[in-house]
Amino acid sequence: MATPKDRQLYWKKNLTYLTVLLSIWFIVSFGFGVLLVDQLDRIRIGGFKLGFWFAQQGSIYVFVLLIFTYVWLMNRLDRAFDVDEE
């Protein structure tokens, strides 16, 4: 049985993961796709402007990558606190 201190530490780490990953998502989707689009449009990748690419596809790719990263981090955290499903 986990102690209250262990549970508090578990949720603190979980919220840290969420804060970092959601910050990355915000920067990529809103920052790169909206705020910095004019500066990024000066760079071209595969014939497309980088700002347009982030607004249309890049933020989606990053979001999916962040989902997999969160699953990996949480599985590792669950094993560390012995609350995994195995």
N, C-alpha and C. Protein backbone atom coordinates (compact mmCIF):
# COMPACT_ATOMS: atom_id res chain seq x y z
N MET A 1 0.84 -1.19 0.00
CA MET A 1 0.00 0.00 0.00
C MET A 1 0.88 1.24 0.00
N ALA A 2 0.60 2.15 -0.87
CA ALA A 2 1.40 3.37 -0.99
C ALA A 2 1.06 4.34 0.15
N THR A 3 2.09 5.00 0.62
CA THR A 3 1.89 5.98 1.67
C THR A 3 1.35 7.27 1.06
N PRO A 4 0.75 8.12 1.88
CA PRO A 4 0.27 9.41 1.35
C PRO A 4 1.40 10.23 0.72
N LYS A 5 2.60 10.12 1.26
CA LYS A 5 3.73 10.86 0.68
C LYS A 5 4.08 10.32 -0.70
N ASP A 6 4.03 8.99 -0.85
CA ASP A 6 4.30 8.39 -2.17
C ASP A 6 3.26 8.82 -3.19
N ARG A 7 1.99 8.82 -2.78
CA ARG A 7 0.92 9.24 -3.70
C ARG A 7 1.08 10.70 -4.10
N GLN A 8 1.48 11.53 -3.14
CA GLN A 8 1.68 12.95 -3.43
C GLN A 8 2.85 13.14 -4.41
N LEU A 9 3.93 12.39 -4.21
CA LEU A 9 5.08 12.48 -5.11
C LEU A 9 4.72 11.97 -6.50
N TYR A 10 3.94 10.89 -6.55
CA TYR A 10 3.50 10.34 -7.83
C TYR A 10 2.71 11.39 -8.63
N TRP A 11 1.74 12.04 -7.99
CA TRP A 11 0.93 13.02 -8.70
C TRP A 11 1.72 14.28 -9.02
N LYS A 12 2.67 14.63 -8.19
CA LYS A 12 3.51 15.79 -8.49
C LYS A 12 4.31 15.53 -9.76
N LYS A 13 4.89 14.32 -9.87
CA LYS A 13 5.64 13.99 -11.09
C LYS A 13 4.72 13.92 -12.30
N ASN A 14 3.52 13.36 -12.12
CA ASN A 14 2.56 13.29 -13.21
C ASN A 14 2.21 14.69 -13.70
N LEU A 15 1.93 15.60 -12.79
CA LEU A 15 1.60 16.98 -13.18
C LEU A 15 2.79 17.69 -13.82
N THR A 16 3.99 17.36 -13.40
CA THR A 16 5.19 17.92 -14.04
C THR A 16 5.28 17.46 -15.49
N TYR A 17 5.06 16.15 -15.71
CA TYR A 17 5.06 15.63 -17.08
C TYR A 17 4.00 16.34 -17.92
N LEU A 18 2.81 16.45 -17.38
CA LEU A 18 1.72 17.11 -18.12
C LEU A 18 2.05 18.56 -18.44
N THR A 19 2.60 19.27 -17.48
CA THR A 19 2.93 20.69 -17.69
C THR A 19 3.97 20.85 -18.79
N VAL A 20 5.01 20.04 -18.74
CA VAL A 20 6.07 20.14 -19.76
C VAL A 20 5.54 19.76 -21.14
N LEU A 21 4.83 18.66 -21.23
CA LEU A 21 4.34 18.21 -22.54
C LEU A 21 3.29 19.14 -23.12
N LEU A 22 2.40 19.66 -22.29
CA LEU A 22 1.40 20.61 -22.80
C LEU A 22 2.03 21.94 -23.18
N SER A 23 3.09 22.32 -22.50
CA SER A 23 3.82 23.54 -22.88
C SER A 23 4.46 23.38 -24.24
N ILE A 24 5.06 22.21 -24.48
CA ILE A 24 5.64 21.93 -25.80
C ILE A 24 4.55 21.97 -26.87
N TRP A 25 3.42 21.34 -26.58
CA TRP A 25 2.31 21.33 -27.53
C TRP A 25 1.83 22.76 -27.83
N PHE A 26 1.70 23.60 -26.81
CA PHE A 26 1.27 24.98 -27.00
C PHE A 26 2.27 25.76 -27.85
N ILE A 27 3.55 25.61 -27.54
CA ILE A 27 4.58 26.33 -28.29
C ILE A 27 4.56 25.92 -29.76
N VAL A 28 4.45 24.62 -30.01
CA VAL A 28 4.49 24.14 -31.39
C VAL A 28 3.21 24.53 -32.14
N SER A 29 2.06 24.31 -31.52
CA SER A 29 0.82 24.56 -32.27
C SER A 29 0.49 26.05 -32.36
N PHE A 30 0.50 26.75 -31.25
CA PHE A 30 0.13 28.16 -31.28
C PHE A 30 1.32 29.05 -31.63
N GLY A 31 2.46 28.77 -31.02
CA GLY A 31 3.64 29.60 -31.26
C GLY A 31 4.14 29.50 -32.69
N PHE A 32 4.41 28.26 -33.14
CA PHE A 32 4.94 28.07 -34.48
C PHE A 32 3.88 28.21 -35.56
N GLY A 33 2.66 27.79 -35.27
CA GLY A 33 1.61 27.80 -36.28
C GLY A 33 0.89 29.12 -36.42
N VAL A 34 0.97 29.99 -35.39
CA VAL A 34 0.22 31.25 -35.45
C VAL A 34 1.14 32.45 -35.22
N LEU A 35 1.82 32.49 -34.09
CA LEU A 35 2.60 33.68 -33.73
C LEU A 35 3.87 33.85 -34.56
N LEU A 36 4.58 32.78 -34.81
CA LEU A 36 5.87 32.87 -35.52
C LEU A 36 5.77 32.44 -36.98
N VAL A 37 4.57 32.38 -37.51
CA VAL A 37 4.38 31.87 -38.87
C VAL A 37 5.12 32.72 -39.90
N ASP A 38 5.13 34.02 -39.74
CA ASP A 38 5.80 34.87 -40.74
C ASP A 38 7.31 34.64 -40.76
N GLN A 39 7.91 34.49 -39.58
CA GLN A 39 9.35 34.25 -39.51
C GLN A 39 9.68 32.85 -40.05
N LEU A 40 8.85 31.86 -39.73
CA LEU A 40 9.10 30.50 -40.19
C LEU A 40 8.82 30.32 -41.68
N ASP A 41 7.97 31.17 -42.26
CA ASP A 41 7.67 31.06 -43.69
C ASP A 41 8.88 31.41 -44.56
N ARG A 42 9.88 32.02 -43.99
CA ARG A 42 11.10 32.32 -44.75
C ARG A 42 11.91 31.05 -45.04
N ILE A 43 11.65 29.99 -44.28
CA ILE A 43 12.35 28.72 -44.45
C ILE A 43 11.43 27.78 -45.21
N ARG A 44 11.99 27.10 -46.21
CA ARG A 44 11.20 26.16 -47.00
C ARG A 44 11.74 24.74 -46.82
N ILE A 45 10.80 23.81 -46.65
CA ILE A 45 11.15 22.39 -46.57
C ILE A 45 10.28 21.65 -47.56
N GLY A 46 10.90 20.99 -48.50
CA GLY A 46 10.15 20.25 -49.52
C GLY A 46 9.25 21.13 -50.35
N GLY A 47 9.60 22.39 -50.52
CA GLY A 47 8.81 23.31 -51.32
C GLY A 47 7.71 24.02 -50.55
N PHE A 48 7.52 23.66 -49.30
CA PHE A 48 6.49 24.30 -48.48
C PHE A 48 7.12 25.22 -47.45
N LYS A 49 6.44 26.30 -47.17
CA LYS A 49 6.91 27.21 -46.13
C LYS A 49 6.77 26.53 -44.78
N LEU A 50 7.78 26.70 -43.93
CA LEU A 50 7.83 26.01 -42.65
C LEU A 50 6.67 26.41 -41.74
N GLY A 51 6.29 27.68 -41.72
CA GLY A 51 5.16 28.12 -40.91
C GLY A 51 3.86 27.47 -41.33
N PHE A 52 3.65 27.37 -42.63
CA PHE A 52 2.46 26.69 -43.16
C PHE A 52 2.49 25.22 -42.77
N TRP A 53 3.67 24.59 -42.88
CA TRP A 53 3.79 23.17 -42.55
C TRP A 53 3.44 22.92 -41.08
N PHE A 54 3.95 23.77 -40.17
CA PHE A 54 3.63 23.60 -38.75
C PHE A 54 2.14 23.80 -38.50
N ALA A 55 1.54 24.77 -39.16
CA ALA A 55 0.12 25.04 -38.95
C ALA A 55 -0.74 23.89 -39.48
N GLN A 56 -0.32 23.25 -40.55
CA GLN A 56 -1.15 22.23 -41.18
C GLN A 56 -0.83 20.81 -40.73
N GLN A 57 0.45 20.49 -40.58
CA GLN A 57 0.81 19.10 -40.30
C GLN A 57 1.76 18.95 -39.12
N GLY A 58 2.69 19.84 -38.98
CA GLY A 58 3.73 19.69 -37.98
C GLY A 58 3.21 19.60 -36.56
N SER A 59 2.24 20.42 -36.23
CA SER A 59 1.70 20.38 -34.88
C SER A 59 0.98 19.06 -34.60
N ILE A 60 0.37 18.47 -35.62
CA ILE A 60 -0.29 17.18 -35.45
C ILE A 60 0.75 16.09 -35.19
N TYR A 61 1.83 16.09 -35.96
CA TYR A 61 2.90 15.11 -35.74
C TYR A 61 3.49 15.24 -34.35
N VAL A 62 3.73 16.46 -33.94
CA VAL A 62 4.29 16.69 -32.61
C VAL A 62 3.31 16.23 -31.53
N PHE A 63 2.02 16.49 -31.72
CA PHE A 63 1.02 16.08 -30.75
C PHE A 63 0.99 14.56 -30.60
N VAL A 64 1.03 13.82 -31.70
CA VAL A 64 1.05 12.36 -31.64
C VAL A 64 2.32 11.88 -30.95
N LEU A 65 3.45 12.49 -31.26
CA LEU A 65 4.71 12.14 -30.59
C LEU A 65 4.62 12.41 -29.08
N LEU A 66 3.97 13.50 -28.69
CA LEU A 66 3.81 13.81 -27.28
C LEU A 66 2.92 12.78 -26.58
N ILE A 67 1.92 12.26 -27.27
CA ILE A 67 1.07 11.22 -26.69
C ILE A 67 1.90 9.98 -26.38
N PHE A 68 2.70 9.54 -27.35
CA PHE A 68 3.55 8.37 -27.12
C PHE A 68 4.57 8.62 -26.01
N THR A 69 5.10 9.83 -25.96
CA THR A 69 6.05 10.19 -24.90
C THR A 69 5.37 10.13 -23.54
N TYR A 70 4.15 10.64 -23.43
CA TYR A 70 3.43 10.61 -22.16
C TYR A 70 3.16 9.17 -21.72
N VAL A 71 2.76 8.32 -22.65
CA VAL A 71 2.51 6.91 -22.30
C VAL A 71 3.80 6.27 -21.80
N TRP A 72 4.90 6.50 -22.47
CA TRP A 72 6.18 5.93 -22.05
C TRP A 72 6.58 6.44 -20.67
N LEU A 73 6.46 7.76 -20.45
CA LEU A 73 6.82 8.34 -19.15
C LEU A 73 5.93 7.79 -18.04
N MET A 74 4.63 7.68 -18.29
CA MET A 74 3.72 7.20 -17.25
C MET A 74 3.93 5.72 -16.95
N ASN A 75 4.24 4.91 -17.96
CA ASN A 75 4.55 3.51 -17.71
C ASN A 75 5.79 3.39 -16.83
N ARG A 76 6.78 4.21 -17.12
CA ARG A 76 8.00 4.21 -16.31
C ARG A 76 7.72 4.68 -14.88
N LEU A 77 6.89 5.71 -14.74
CA LEU A 77 6.54 6.21 -13.42
C LEU A 77 5.71 5.18 -12.64
N ASP A 78 4.79 4.52 -13.32
CA ASP A 78 3.98 3.49 -12.67
C ASP A 78 4.86 2.35 -12.14
N ARG A 79 5.85 1.94 -12.93
CA ARG A 79 6.75 0.88 -12.47
C ARG A 79 7.58 1.35 -11.28
N ALA A 80 8.01 2.60 -11.30
CA ALA A 80 8.82 3.14 -10.21
C ALA A 80 8.03 3.18 -8.89
N PHE A 81 6.73 3.43 -8.98
CA PHE A 81 5.90 3.50 -7.77
C PHE A 81 5.11 2.21 -7.55
N ASP A 82 5.40 1.19 -8.33
CA ASP A 82 4.77 -0.11 -8.20
C ASP A 82 3.24 -0.04 -8.29
N VAL A 83 2.77 0.72 -9.25
CA VAL A 83 1.33 0.78 -9.51
C VAL A 83 1.01 0.40 -10.97
N ASP A 84 1.95 -0.30 -11.59
CA ASP A 84 1.74 -0.69 -12.98
C ASP A 84 0.71 -1.81 -13.05
N GLU A 85 0.23 -2.07 -14.24
CA GLU A 85 -0.85 -3.02 -14.45
C GLU A 85 -0.37 -4.44 -14.65
N GLU A 86 0.89 -4.69 -14.58
CA GLU A 86 1.42 -6.04 -14.82
C GLU A 86 1.28 -6.91 -13.61
